[in-house]
N, C-alpha and C. Protein backbone atom coordinates (compact mmCIF):
# COMPACT_ATOMS: atom_id res chain seq x y z
N UNK A 1 0.86 -1.31 -0.14
CA UNK A 1 0.03 0.06 0.02
C UNK A 1 0.88 1.16 -0.11
N UNK A 2 0.82 2.37 -0.81
CA UNK A 2 1.32 3.28 -1.03
C UNK A 2 0.89 4.50 0.22
N UNK A 3 1.60 5.25 0.49
CA UNK A 3 1.43 6.35 1.79
C UNK A 3 0.14 6.94 1.21
N UNK A 4 -0.05 7.41 0.04
CA UNK A 4 -1.42 8.09 -0.02
C UNK A 4 -2.39 7.25 0.16
N UNK A 5 -2.42 6.00 -0.29
CA UNK A 5 -3.49 5.12 0.13
C UNK A 5 -3.73 4.86 1.33
N UNK A 6 -2.47 4.58 2.01
CA UNK A 6 -2.76 4.54 3.54
C UNK A 6 -3.58 5.56 4.44
N UNK A 7 -3.03 6.91 4.06
CA UNK A 7 -3.47 8.16 4.23
C UNK A 7 -5.21 8.07 3.84
N UNK A 8 -5.66 7.83 2.59
CA UNK A 8 -7.01 7.82 2.35
C UNK A 8 -7.73 6.91 3.11
N UNK A 9 -7.03 5.80 3.46
CA UNK A 9 -7.70 4.75 4.14
C UNK A 9 -8.23 5.04 5.54
N UNK A 10 -6.89 5.25 6.07
CA UNK A 10 -7.43 6.14 7.55
C UNK A 10 -8.21 7.16 7.72
N UNK A 11 -8.06 8.04 6.52
CA UNK A 11 -9.44 9.19 6.56
C UNK A 11 -10.96 8.70 6.36
N UNK A 12 -10.99 7.47 5.67
CA UNK A 12 -12.11 7.01 5.37
C UNK A 12 -12.84 5.95 6.76
N UNK A 13 -11.55 5.65 7.76
CA UNK A 13 -12.02 4.92 8.62
C UNK A 13 -12.31 6.40 10.02
N UNK A 14 -11.34 6.91 9.85
CA UNK A 14 -11.39 7.67 11.30
C UNK A 14 -11.48 9.18 11.19
N UNK A 15 -11.46 9.77 10.02
CA UNK A 15 -11.55 11.30 9.67
C UNK A 15 -12.42 12.00 10.23
N UNK A 16 -13.71 11.74 10.13
CA UNK A 16 -15.14 12.67 10.94
C UNK A 16 -14.82 12.39 12.47
N UNK A 17 -14.53 11.09 13.27
CA UNK A 17 -14.20 11.39 14.51
C UNK A 17 -12.93 12.14 14.89
N UNK A 18 -11.87 12.12 14.19
CA UNK A 18 -10.83 12.74 14.32
C UNK A 18 -10.89 14.35 14.26
N UNK A 19 -11.76 14.56 13.33
CA UNK A 19 -11.85 15.99 13.06
C UNK A 19 -12.72 16.74 14.19
N UNK A 20 -13.54 15.77 14.56
CA UNK A 20 -14.64 16.37 15.64
C UNK A 20 -13.83 16.44 16.87
N UNK A 21 -13.00 15.44 17.26
CA UNK A 21 -11.98 15.56 18.38
C UNK A 21 -10.82 17.13 18.45
N UNK A 22 -10.87 17.43 17.13
CA UNK A 22 -9.78 18.43 16.94
C UNK A 22 -8.35 18.17 16.95
N UNK A 23 -7.77 18.94 16.35
CA UNK A 23 -6.10 18.79 16.14
C UNK A 23 -5.45 18.57 17.62
N UNK A 24 -5.89 19.25 18.60
CA UNK A 24 -4.85 19.19 19.77
C UNK A 24 -5.41 17.79 20.32
N UNK A 25 -6.61 17.41 20.26
CA UNK A 25 -6.96 16.38 21.13
C UNK A 25 -6.38 15.21 20.37
N UNK A 26 -6.53 15.06 19.17
CA UNK A 26 -5.83 14.24 17.84
C UNK A 26 -4.30 14.02 18.27
N UNK A 27 -3.62 15.15 18.44
CA UNK A 27 -2.34 15.06 18.73
C UNK A 27 -2.08 14.58 19.89
N UNK A 28 -2.53 14.58 21.25
CA UNK A 28 -2.48 13.92 22.18
C UNK A 28 -2.68 12.55 22.05
N UNK A 29 -3.33 12.23 21.44
CA UNK A 29 -3.51 10.58 21.25
C UNK A 29 -2.53 10.47 20.32
N UNK A 30 -1.86 10.92 19.11
CA UNK A 30 -0.30 10.65 18.62
C UNK A 30 0.68 10.54 19.53
N UNK A 31 0.56 11.51 20.34
CA UNK A 31 1.91 11.34 21.22
C UNK A 31 1.82 10.22 22.29
N UNK A 32 0.73 9.90 22.62
CA UNK A 32 0.52 8.38 23.39
C UNK A 32 1.13 7.29 22.57
N UNK A 33 0.68 7.05 21.27
CA UNK A 33 1.03 6.27 20.43
C UNK A 33 2.63 6.25 20.07
N UNK A 34 3.28 7.58 20.29
CA UNK A 34 4.63 7.42 20.20
C UNK A 34 5.51 6.75 21.38
N UNK A 35 4.85 7.30 22.69
CA UNK A 35 5.22 6.93 23.95
C UNK A 35 4.80 5.04 24.02
N UNK A 36 3.86 4.56 23.45
CA UNK A 36 3.74 3.18 23.08
C UNK A 36 4.94 2.66 22.37
N UNK A 37 5.50 3.43 21.45
CA UNK A 37 6.24 2.56 20.21
C UNK A 37 7.34 2.82 21.13
N UNK A 38 8.02 3.92 21.75
CA UNK A 38 9.02 3.92 22.67
C UNK A 38 9.48 3.04 23.56
N UNK A 39 8.09 2.57 24.34
CA UNK A 39 8.27 1.78 25.40
C UNK A 39 8.74 0.12 24.74
N UNK A 40 8.05 -0.20 23.50
CA UNK A 40 8.22 -1.25 23.03
C UNK A 40 9.53 -1.47 22.13
N UNK A 41 10.13 -0.49 21.82
CA UNK A 41 11.77 -0.41 21.38
C UNK A 41 12.64 -0.59 22.71
N UNK A 42 12.21 -0.05 23.56
CA UNK A 42 13.04 -0.02 24.69
C UNK A 42 13.35 -1.33 25.22
N UNK A 43 11.96 -2.10 25.35
CA UNK A 43 11.93 -3.46 25.90
C UNK A 43 12.40 -4.42 24.77
N UNK A 44 12.64 -3.99 23.41
CA UNK A 44 13.00 -4.81 22.64
C UNK A 44 11.58 -6.25 22.07
N UNK A 45 10.83 -5.34 22.10
CA UNK A 45 9.59 -6.15 22.00
C UNK A 45 9.62 -6.99 20.97
N UNK A 46 8.73 -8.06 20.62
CA UNK A 46 8.70 -9.12 19.84
C UNK A 46 8.35 -8.21 17.97
N UNK A 47 9.01 -8.35 17.27
CA UNK A 47 8.48 -8.23 15.92
C UNK A 47 6.85 -7.56 15.16
N UNK A 48 6.19 -8.70 15.91
CA UNK A 48 4.82 -8.43 15.43
C UNK A 48 4.02 -6.98 16.48
N UNK A 49 4.48 -7.14 17.58
CA UNK A 49 4.33 -5.73 18.62
C UNK A 49 4.67 -5.00 17.99
N UNK A 50 5.75 -4.79 17.37
CA UNK A 50 6.72 -3.54 16.97
C UNK A 50 5.82 -3.04 15.70
N UNK A 51 5.48 -3.92 14.96
CA UNK A 51 4.82 -3.49 13.47
C UNK A 51 3.47 -2.78 14.02
N UNK A 52 2.65 -3.35 15.03
CA UNK A 52 1.67 -2.89 15.32
C UNK A 52 1.57 -1.38 15.87
N UNK A 53 2.78 -0.97 16.67
CA UNK A 53 3.09 0.46 17.11
C UNK A 53 3.56 1.05 16.33
N UNK A 54 4.43 0.63 15.28
CA UNK A 54 4.83 1.64 14.07
C UNK A 54 3.35 1.89 13.07
N UNK A 55 2.80 0.81 13.20
CA UNK A 55 1.39 1.26 12.27
C UNK A 55 0.65 2.43 12.93
N UNK A 56 0.34 2.19 14.32
CA UNK A 56 -0.47 2.99 15.01
C UNK A 56 0.11 4.57 15.02
N UNK A 57 1.68 4.75 15.49
CA UNK A 57 1.84 5.76 15.27
C UNK A 57 1.74 6.58 13.57
N UNK A 58 2.20 5.61 12.61
CA UNK A 58 1.85 6.48 11.14
C UNK A 58 0.51 6.73 11.06
N UNK A 59 -0.53 5.66 11.88
CA UNK A 59 -1.98 6.24 11.46
C UNK A 59 -2.45 7.66 11.91
N UNK A 60 -1.76 7.75 12.95
CA UNK A 60 -1.98 8.81 13.90
C UNK A 60 -1.59 10.18 13.10
N UNK A 61 -0.16 9.94 12.51
CA UNK A 61 0.40 10.92 12.06
C UNK A 61 -0.27 11.24 10.66
N UNK A 62 -0.86 10.44 10.05
CA UNK A 62 -1.40 10.00 8.71
C UNK A 62 -2.81 11.33 9.16
N UNK A 63 -3.71 10.67 10.20
CA UNK A 63 -4.86 11.83 10.62
C UNK A 63 -4.71 13.15 10.85
N UNK A 64 -3.36 13.60 11.68
CA UNK A 64 -2.86 15.05 11.90
C UNK A 64 -2.75 15.39 10.60
N UNK A 65 -2.21 14.82 9.54
CA UNK A 65 -1.81 15.49 8.15
C UNK A 65 -2.99 15.94 7.70
N UNK A 66 -4.14 15.03 7.80
CA UNK A 66 -5.28 14.67 7.30
C UNK A 66 -6.28 16.40 7.50
N UNK A 67 -6.37 16.25 8.99
CA UNK A 67 -6.97 17.32 9.70
C UNK A 67 -6.36 18.64 9.08
N UNK A 68 -5.03 18.85 8.74
CA UNK A 68 -4.70 20.29 8.55
C UNK A 68 -4.51 20.23 6.75
N UNK A 69 -5.04 19.21 6.00
CA UNK A 69 -5.29 19.40 4.61
C UNK A 69 -3.81 19.00 4.01
N UNK A 70 -3.26 18.25 4.74
CA UNK A 70 -1.51 18.00 4.09
C UNK A 70 -1.38 16.59 3.45
N UNK A 71 -0.94 16.27 2.46
CA UNK A 71 -0.73 15.22 1.54
C UNK A 71 0.55 14.70 1.81
N UNK A 72 0.47 13.82 2.55
CA UNK A 72 1.80 12.78 3.04
C UNK A 72 2.97 12.51 1.77
N UNK A 73 2.22 12.27 0.83
CA UNK A 73 3.31 11.83 -0.29
C UNK A 73 3.97 12.98 -1.09
N UNK A 74 3.29 14.28 -1.05
CA UNK A 74 3.83 15.58 -1.21
C UNK A 74 4.87 15.85 -0.18
N UNK A 75 4.60 15.88 0.99
CA UNK A 75 5.64 15.98 2.04
C UNK A 75 7.04 15.68 1.69
N UNK A 76 6.68 13.99 1.65
CA UNK A 76 7.95 13.13 1.39
C UNK A 76 8.57 13.53 0.23
N UNK A 77 7.99 13.84 -0.78
CA UNK A 77 8.39 13.93 -2.09
C UNK A 77 9.22 15.47 -1.92
N UNK A 78 8.53 16.52 -1.36
CA UNK A 78 9.39 17.81 -1.23
C UNK A 78 10.58 17.53 -0.67
N UNK A 79 10.42 16.98 0.38
CA UNK A 79 11.32 16.87 1.58
C UNK A 79 12.81 16.02 1.29
N UNK A 80 12.25 14.89 0.62
CA UNK A 80 13.25 13.74 0.57
C UNK A 80 13.33 13.30 -1.02
N UNK A 81 12.46 13.81 -1.94
CA UNK A 81 12.65 13.35 -3.22
C UNK A 81 13.83 13.21 -4.03
N UNK A 82 14.58 14.24 -3.73
CA UNK A 82 15.95 14.31 -3.99
C UNK A 82 17.09 13.61 -3.49
N UNK A 83 16.87 12.80 -2.24
CA UNK A 83 17.83 12.38 -1.36
C UNK A 83 17.77 13.08 0.17
N UNK A 84 19.11 13.22 0.71
CA UNK A 84 19.38 14.09 1.72
C UNK A 84 18.58 15.29 1.59
N UNK A 85 18.00 16.06 2.19
CA UNK A 85 17.30 17.23 2.09
C UNK A 85 18.78 18.68 2.11
N UNK A 86 19.56 18.09 2.45
CA UNK A 86 20.94 19.05 2.77
C UNK A 86 22.03 19.03 1.76
N UNK A 87 22.43 17.62 1.42
CA UNK A 87 23.30 17.62 0.32
C UNK A 87 22.97 16.95 -0.73
N UNK A 88 21.38 16.52 -0.89
CA UNK A 88 21.01 15.94 -2.09
C UNK A 88 21.58 14.46 -2.47
N UNK A 89 22.46 13.87 -1.55
CA UNK A 89 23.17 12.66 -2.09
C UNK A 89 22.07 11.42 -1.14
N UNK A 90 22.13 10.36 -1.89
CA UNK A 90 21.56 9.44 -1.08
C UNK A 90 22.92 8.21 -1.58
N UNK A 91 23.36 7.66 -0.72
CA UNK A 91 23.13 7.91 0.94
C UNK A 91 23.81 9.28 1.28
N UNK A 92 23.17 9.46 2.41
CA UNK A 92 23.50 10.78 2.89
C UNK A 92 25.01 10.83 2.75
N UNK A 93 25.68 12.27 2.36
CA UNK A 93 26.91 12.54 2.37
C UNK A 93 27.61 13.55 3.46
N UNK A 94 26.55 13.88 4.30
CA UNK A 94 26.81 15.22 5.23
C UNK A 94 27.57 14.76 6.35
């Protein structure tokens, strides 16, 4: 699944609820999920749990972008489309 497809899927599932909660409330959920991922990484959890935590963080990030009308594909292309945003090399040579 491409990032844009994922963002659209998350919008279809959660956008109305997340938009009603608002940016600040939704950001708090995102921050909580980042904390859960942090704990899982520190504990060196099993790969299946880590996959779930990474997916949760990505889903909340996608919903925040959607609330603000930001297309994640455009963000990634703009910032990293030519490699490192500072030296334009792949791999980074900074």
